[in-house]
């Protein structure tokens, strides 16, 4: 009986570790498959342990980031999370700016000389998990 229970525990751990409901960007910033609040939002950039001032951006399509900025593309607009005064971290009073159109976000990217260290197409990433 105990061998069966141990096998079931191991199978459960393997099964649940293979399914992803979020992935980490930097610090505690994550994109969650579904928000845990009363909304039906999906693919949400937010801080799990965040404050009211931390970003909450639903419907993330593409996200790219470096140590001080996150550029978020949704299906209709763009956002910038600015951590240049401190760094990107939850509860560090990073500014969420936007929404912007493509022309404006490109101007901002040029003005801050943004160089991405990583980019993820969120919907494709979440589908393969």
N, C-alpha and C. Protein backbone atom coordinates (compact mmCIF):
# COMPACT_ATOMS: atom_id res chain seq x y z
N UNK A 1 0.83 -1.20 0.00
CA UNK A 1 0.00 0.00 0.00
C UNK A 1 0.86 1.25 0.00
N UNK A 2 1.90 1.29 0.80
CA UNK A 2 2.75 2.48 0.87
C UNK A 2 3.52 2.67 -0.44
N UNK A 3 3.88 1.59 -1.13
CA UNK A 3 4.57 1.70 -2.41
C UNK A 3 3.66 2.35 -3.45
N UNK A 4 2.39 1.98 -3.44
CA UNK A 4 1.42 2.57 -4.36
C UNK A 4 1.27 4.06 -4.09
N UNK A 5 1.19 4.42 -2.84
CA UNK A 5 1.06 5.83 -2.47
C UNK A 5 2.28 6.63 -2.90
N UNK A 6 3.45 6.08 -2.71
CA UNK A 6 4.68 6.75 -3.13
C UNK A 6 4.70 6.94 -4.64
N UNK A 7 4.30 5.91 -5.39
CA UNK A 7 4.25 6.00 -6.86
C UNK A 7 3.27 7.08 -7.30
N UNK A 8 2.10 7.13 -6.65
CA UNK A 8 1.11 8.16 -7.00
C UNK A 8 1.65 9.55 -6.71
N UNK A 9 2.36 9.71 -5.62
CA UNK A 9 2.95 11.02 -5.29
C UNK A 9 3.98 11.43 -6.33
N UNK A 10 4.81 10.51 -6.74
CA UNK A 10 5.83 10.81 -7.75
C UNK A 10 5.19 11.18 -9.08
N UNK A 11 4.18 10.43 -9.49
CA UNK A 11 3.47 10.73 -10.75
C UNK A 11 2.81 12.09 -10.67
N UNK A 12 2.20 12.40 -9.53
CA UNK A 12 1.55 13.72 -9.35
C UNK A 12 2.56 14.86 -9.46
N UNK A 13 3.71 14.68 -8.83
CA UNK A 13 4.75 15.71 -8.88
C UNK A 13 5.21 15.93 -10.31
N UNK A 14 5.45 14.86 -11.03
CA UNK A 14 5.89 14.97 -12.43
C UNK A 14 4.82 15.64 -13.26
N UNK A 15 3.57 15.23 -13.11
CA UNK A 15 2.48 15.80 -13.89
C UNK A 15 2.32 17.29 -13.64
N UNK A 16 2.28 17.68 -12.38
CA UNK A 16 2.07 19.09 -12.06
C UNK A 16 3.28 19.96 -12.35
N UNK A 17 4.46 19.41 -12.31
CA UNK A 17 5.65 20.22 -12.63
C UNK A 17 5.77 20.45 -14.13
N UNK A 18 5.12 19.64 -14.95
CA UNK A 18 5.19 19.81 -16.40
C UNK A 18 4.22 20.87 -16.90
N UNK A 19 3.20 21.15 -16.16
CA UNK A 19 2.25 22.16 -16.63
C UNK A 19 2.63 23.51 -16.03
N UNK A 20 2.66 24.52 -16.89
CA UNK A 20 3.09 25.83 -16.47
C UNK A 20 1.90 26.79 -16.46
N UNK A 21 1.71 27.47 -15.35
CA UNK A 21 0.66 28.48 -15.29
C UNK A 21 1.26 29.88 -15.28
N UNK A 22 2.59 29.96 -15.23
CA UNK A 22 3.26 31.26 -15.28
C UNK A 22 4.72 31.06 -15.63
N UNK A 23 5.36 32.15 -15.99
CA UNK A 23 6.81 32.10 -16.14
C UNK A 23 7.39 33.42 -15.66
N UNK A 24 8.57 33.31 -15.07
CA UNK A 24 9.21 34.47 -14.46
C UNK A 24 9.90 35.32 -15.51
N UNK A 25 9.76 36.63 -15.36
CA UNK A 25 10.46 37.59 -16.20
C UNK A 25 11.72 38.03 -15.47
N UNK A 26 11.55 38.76 -14.39
CA UNK A 26 12.67 39.25 -13.59
C UNK A 26 12.13 39.56 -12.20
N UNK A 27 12.92 39.32 -11.17
CA UNK A 27 12.48 39.45 -9.78
C UNK A 27 11.21 38.63 -9.63
N UNK A 28 10.11 39.20 -9.14
CA UNK A 28 8.86 38.46 -9.03
C UNK A 28 7.87 38.86 -10.11
N UNK A 29 8.31 39.57 -11.13
CA UNK A 29 7.46 39.83 -12.27
C UNK A 29 7.24 38.53 -13.01
N UNK A 30 6.00 38.22 -13.27
CA UNK A 30 5.66 37.00 -13.99
C UNK A 30 4.52 37.28 -14.97
N UNK A 31 4.44 36.44 -15.99
CA UNK A 31 3.26 36.43 -16.84
C UNK A 31 2.48 35.19 -16.43
N UNK A 32 1.26 35.41 -15.97
CA UNK A 32 0.39 34.34 -15.51
C UNK A 32 -0.61 33.98 -16.60
N UNK A 33 -0.83 32.70 -16.76
CA UNK A 33 -1.81 32.24 -17.75
C UNK A 33 -3.18 32.83 -17.43
N UNK A 34 -3.55 32.84 -16.17
CA UNK A 34 -4.82 33.43 -15.74
C UNK A 34 -4.58 34.23 -14.48
N UNK A 35 -5.27 35.36 -14.36
CA UNK A 35 -5.17 36.17 -13.14
C UNK A 35 -5.95 35.47 -12.03
N UNK A 36 -5.54 35.69 -10.81
CA UNK A 36 -6.19 35.05 -9.66
C UNK A 36 -7.21 35.96 -9.00
N UNK A 37 -7.62 36.98 -9.72
CA UNK A 37 -8.63 37.86 -9.12
C UNK A 37 -9.98 37.57 -9.76
N UNK A 38 -10.89 38.46 -9.64
CA UNK A 38 -12.26 38.24 -10.09
C UNK A 38 -12.44 38.40 -11.60
N UNK A 39 -11.42 38.74 -12.33
CA UNK A 39 -11.54 38.95 -13.77
C UNK A 39 -11.26 37.66 -14.53
N UNK A 40 -11.55 37.69 -15.80
CA UNK A 40 -11.25 36.56 -16.68
C UNK A 40 -10.01 36.84 -17.51
N UNK A 41 -9.16 37.74 -17.05
CA UNK A 41 -7.97 38.11 -17.82
C UNK A 41 -7.03 36.93 -17.97
N UNK A 42 -6.36 36.88 -19.12
CA UNK A 42 -5.37 35.83 -19.33
C UNK A 42 -4.05 36.45 -19.76
N UNK A 43 -2.99 35.67 -19.62
CA UNK A 43 -1.63 36.10 -19.94
C UNK A 43 -1.35 37.50 -19.38
N UNK A 44 -1.35 37.56 -18.08
CA UNK A 44 -1.27 38.82 -17.34
C UNK A 44 0.13 39.02 -16.78
N UNK A 45 0.74 40.17 -17.10
CA UNK A 45 1.99 40.57 -16.46
C UNK A 45 1.63 41.22 -15.14
N UNK A 46 2.16 40.67 -14.05
CA UNK A 46 1.90 41.23 -12.73
C UNK A 46 2.92 40.68 -11.75
N UNK A 47 2.92 41.26 -10.56
CA UNK A 47 3.76 40.78 -9.46
C UNK A 47 2.87 40.01 -8.51
N UNK A 48 3.22 38.78 -8.25
CA UNK A 48 2.44 37.97 -7.32
C UNK A 48 2.42 38.61 -5.93
N UNK A 49 3.54 39.15 -5.52
CA UNK A 49 3.64 39.75 -4.20
C UNK A 49 3.65 41.27 -4.30
N UNK A 50 3.02 41.80 -5.33
CA UNK A 50 3.14 43.20 -5.64
C UNK A 50 2.24 44.12 -4.85
N UNK A 51 2.46 45.40 -5.09
CA UNK A 51 1.67 46.46 -4.48
C UNK A 51 0.75 47.05 -5.55
N UNK A 52 -0.10 47.97 -5.13
CA UNK A 52 -1.02 48.60 -6.08
C UNK A 52 -0.29 49.33 -7.20
N UNK A 53 0.91 49.79 -6.94
CA UNK A 53 1.65 50.54 -7.95
C UNK A 53 2.32 49.63 -8.99
N UNK A 54 2.37 48.32 -8.74
CA UNK A 54 3.00 47.40 -9.68
C UNK A 54 2.10 47.17 -10.89
N UNK A 55 2.70 46.81 -12.03
CA UNK A 55 1.91 46.68 -13.25
C UNK A 55 0.92 45.51 -13.19
N UNK A 56 -0.18 45.71 -13.88
CA UNK A 56 -1.16 44.66 -14.15
C UNK A 56 -1.57 44.86 -15.60
N UNK A 57 -0.99 44.06 -16.49
CA UNK A 57 -1.24 44.23 -17.91
C UNK A 57 -1.74 42.90 -18.46
N UNK A 58 -3.05 42.82 -18.82
CA UNK A 58 -3.60 41.59 -19.36
C UNK A 58 -3.37 41.46 -20.86
N UNK A 59 -3.60 40.26 -21.36
CA UNK A 59 -3.55 39.95 -22.79
C UNK A 59 -2.19 40.20 -23.41
N UNK A 60 -1.15 39.81 -22.69
CA UNK A 60 0.21 40.00 -23.18
C UNK A 60 0.44 39.08 -24.37
N UNK A 61 0.88 39.67 -25.46
CA UNK A 61 1.17 38.91 -26.67
C UNK A 61 2.68 38.65 -26.78
N UNK A 62 3.47 39.73 -26.66
CA UNK A 62 4.93 39.64 -26.73
C UNK A 62 5.49 40.48 -25.59
N UNK A 63 6.51 39.95 -24.94
CA UNK A 63 7.16 40.70 -23.86
C UNK A 63 8.67 40.62 -24.06
N UNK A 64 9.33 41.74 -23.87
CA UNK A 64 10.79 41.77 -23.92
C UNK A 64 11.28 42.65 -22.79
N UNK A 65 12.48 42.34 -22.31
CA UNK A 65 12.96 43.05 -21.14
C UNK A 65 14.47 43.06 -21.06
N UNK A 66 14.94 43.99 -20.20
CA UNK A 66 16.34 44.01 -19.78
C UNK A 66 16.32 44.29 -18.27
N UNK A 67 17.38 44.78 -17.71
CA UNK A 67 17.44 44.97 -16.25
C UNK A 67 16.61 46.15 -15.75
N UNK A 68 16.28 47.09 -16.65
CA UNK A 68 15.58 48.30 -16.19
C UNK A 68 14.24 48.57 -16.88
N UNK A 69 13.92 47.87 -17.94
CA UNK A 69 12.67 48.13 -18.66
C UNK A 69 12.02 46.84 -19.15
N UNK A 70 10.70 46.85 -19.18
CA UNK A 70 9.92 45.79 -19.81
C UNK A 70 9.04 46.45 -20.87
N UNK A 71 9.09 45.92 -22.08
CA UNK A 71 8.21 46.37 -23.16
C UNK A 71 7.17 45.28 -23.36
N UNK A 72 5.89 45.65 -23.27
CA UNK A 72 4.80 44.69 -23.38
C UNK A 72 3.95 45.05 -24.59
N UNK A 73 3.72 44.05 -25.44
CA UNK A 73 2.80 44.21 -26.56
C UNK A 73 1.58 43.35 -26.28
N UNK A 74 0.40 43.98 -26.28
CA UNK A 74 -0.85 43.25 -26.21
C UNK A 74 -1.37 43.14 -27.64
N UNK A 75 -2.58 42.70 -27.81
CA UNK A 75 -3.10 42.58 -29.17
C UNK A 75 -3.51 43.91 -29.78
N UNK A 76 -3.53 44.97 -28.99
CA UNK A 76 -3.95 46.25 -29.54
C UNK A 76 -3.07 47.44 -29.15
N UNK A 77 -2.14 47.25 -28.19
CA UNK A 77 -1.37 48.39 -27.73
C UNK A 77 -0.08 47.93 -27.06
N UNK A 78 0.72 48.92 -26.63
CA UNK A 78 2.02 48.65 -26.02
C UNK A 78 2.11 49.35 -24.68
N UNK A 79 2.92 48.79 -23.78
CA UNK A 79 3.16 49.37 -22.47
C UNK A 79 4.65 49.32 -22.17
N UNK A 80 5.09 50.23 -21.32
CA UNK A 80 6.46 50.25 -20.84
C UNK A 80 6.43 50.20 -19.32
N UNK A 81 7.16 49.27 -18.74
CA UNK A 81 7.37 49.25 -17.30
C UNK A 81 8.78 49.77 -17.10
N UNK A 82 8.87 50.90 -16.39
CA UNK A 82 10.12 51.64 -16.26
C UNK A 82 10.68 51.47 -14.85
N UNK A 83 11.82 50.79 -14.78
CA UNK A 83 12.51 50.61 -13.50
C UNK A 83 13.84 51.33 -13.48
N UNK A 84 13.99 52.35 -14.33
CA UNK A 84 15.29 53.01 -14.48
C UNK A 84 15.72 53.80 -13.24
N UNK A 85 14.78 54.20 -12.39
CA UNK A 85 15.17 54.96 -11.19
C UNK A 85 15.73 54.06 -10.11
N UNK A 86 15.35 52.81 -10.13
CA UNK A 86 15.83 51.86 -9.14
C UNK A 86 16.31 50.63 -9.88
N UNK A 87 15.43 49.74 -10.17
CA UNK A 87 15.64 48.55 -10.99
C UNK A 87 14.28 47.90 -11.14
N UNK A 88 14.17 46.92 -11.99
CA UNK A 88 12.91 46.21 -12.11
C UNK A 88 12.74 45.27 -10.94
N UNK A 89 11.78 45.55 -10.12
CA UNK A 89 11.48 44.66 -9.00
C UNK A 89 10.09 44.99 -8.47
N UNK A 90 9.44 44.00 -7.94
CA UNK A 90 8.13 44.21 -7.35
C UNK A 90 8.25 45.10 -6.12
N UNK A 91 7.29 45.95 -5.95
CA UNK A 91 7.21 46.88 -4.82
C UNK A 91 8.37 47.88 -4.79
N UNK A 92 8.94 48.18 -5.97
CA UNK A 92 10.04 49.15 -6.07
C UNK A 92 9.58 50.44 -6.75
N UNK A 93 8.29 50.62 -6.84
CA UNK A 93 7.70 51.81 -7.44
C UNK A 93 8.12 52.00 -8.89
N UNK A 94 8.18 50.89 -9.64
CA UNK A 94 8.39 50.99 -11.09
C UNK A 94 7.16 51.63 -11.71
N UNK A 95 7.36 52.41 -12.75
CA UNK A 95 6.25 53.10 -13.40
C UNK A 95 5.75 52.29 -14.58
N UNK A 96 4.43 52.16 -14.69
CA UNK A 96 3.82 51.54 -15.86
C UNK A 96 3.27 52.67 -16.72
N UNK A 97 3.78 52.75 -17.94
CA UNK A 97 3.36 53.83 -18.85
C UNK A 97 2.67 53.21 -20.05
N UNK A 98 1.66 53.90 -20.54
CA UNK A 98 0.93 53.43 -21.71
C UNK A 98 -0.55 53.49 -21.42
N UNK A 99 -1.36 53.10 -22.36
CA UNK A 99 -1.01 52.40 -23.60
C UNK A 99 -0.47 53.34 -24.67
N UNK A 100 0.38 52.75 -25.53
CA UNK A 100 0.97 53.46 -26.65
C UNK A 100 0.66 52.73 -27.94
N UNK A 101 0.71 53.47 -29.04
CA UNK A 101 0.63 52.81 -30.35
C UNK A 101 2.05 52.43 -30.77
N UNK A 102 2.18 51.72 -31.88
CA UNK A 102 3.48 51.22 -32.33
C UNK A 102 4.47 52.36 -32.58
N UNK A 103 4.02 53.43 -33.18
CA UNK A 103 4.92 54.54 -33.48
C UNK A 103 5.49 55.15 -32.20
N UNK A 104 4.64 55.36 -31.21
CA UNK A 104 5.08 55.97 -29.95
C UNK A 104 6.02 55.05 -29.18
N UNK A 105 5.72 53.74 -29.12
CA UNK A 105 6.61 52.84 -28.38
C UNK A 105 7.96 52.75 -29.07
N UNK A 106 7.99 52.82 -30.40
CA UNK A 106 9.28 52.82 -31.11
C UNK A 106 10.09 54.07 -30.79
N UNK A 107 9.42 55.22 -30.66
CA UNK A 107 10.11 56.44 -30.25
C UNK A 107 10.68 56.30 -28.84
N UNK A 108 9.90 55.72 -27.95
CA UNK A 108 10.36 55.52 -26.58
C UNK A 108 11.54 54.56 -26.55
N UNK A 109 11.45 53.46 -27.30
CA UNK A 109 12.54 52.48 -27.36
C UNK A 109 13.83 53.15 -27.83
N UNK A 110 13.72 54.01 -28.83
CA UNK A 110 14.89 54.74 -29.32
C UNK A 110 15.42 55.70 -28.27
N UNK A 111 14.52 56.41 -27.59
CA UNK A 111 14.96 57.44 -26.63
C UNK A 111 15.64 56.85 -25.40
N UNK A 112 15.21 55.66 -24.98
CA UNK A 112 15.84 55.04 -23.80
C UNK A 112 16.96 54.08 -24.21
N UNK A 113 17.19 53.97 -25.50
CA UNK A 113 18.22 53.08 -26.05
C UNK A 113 18.04 51.65 -25.52
N UNK A 114 16.81 51.18 -25.63
CA UNK A 114 16.43 49.87 -25.11
C UNK A 114 17.10 48.75 -25.90
N UNK A 115 17.77 47.87 -25.18
CA UNK A 115 18.37 46.66 -25.74
C UNK A 115 17.80 45.48 -24.95
N UNK A 116 17.04 44.64 -25.62
CA UNK A 116 16.39 43.51 -24.98
C UNK A 116 17.40 42.41 -24.66
N UNK A 117 17.28 41.81 -23.46
CA UNK A 117 18.10 40.64 -23.16
C UNK A 117 17.31 39.36 -23.41
N UNK A 118 15.98 39.47 -23.47
CA UNK A 118 15.14 38.32 -23.78
C UNK A 118 13.80 38.79 -24.30
N UNK A 119 13.23 38.00 -25.21
CA UNK A 119 11.90 38.28 -25.75
C UNK A 119 11.15 36.97 -25.84
N UNK A 120 9.88 36.99 -25.45
CA UNK A 120 9.04 35.80 -25.51
C UNK A 120 7.71 36.16 -26.16
N UNK A 121 7.31 35.33 -27.13
CA UNK A 121 5.97 35.43 -27.68
C UNK A 121 5.07 34.61 -26.75
N UNK A 122 4.36 35.31 -25.90
CA UNK A 122 3.69 34.71 -24.75
C UNK A 122 2.65 33.67 -25.17
N UNK A 123 1.79 34.00 -26.12
CA UNK A 123 0.74 33.05 -26.48
C UNK A 123 1.32 31.76 -27.04
N UNK A 124 2.36 31.86 -27.85
CA UNK A 124 3.01 30.65 -28.38
C UNK A 124 3.67 29.87 -27.25
N UNK A 125 4.30 30.58 -26.32
CA UNK A 125 4.97 29.93 -25.20
C UNK A 125 3.96 29.19 -24.32
N UNK A 126 2.85 29.85 -24.00
CA UNK A 126 1.86 29.24 -23.13
C UNK A 126 1.17 28.05 -23.82
N UNK A 127 1.01 28.10 -25.14
CA UNK A 127 0.37 27.01 -25.85
C UNK A 127 1.20 25.74 -25.85
N UNK A 128 2.51 25.87 -25.91
CA UNK A 128 3.35 24.68 -25.96
C UNK A 128 3.57 24.06 -24.59
N UNK A 129 3.23 24.77 -23.53
CA UNK A 129 3.41 24.24 -22.17
C UNK A 129 2.28 23.32 -21.80
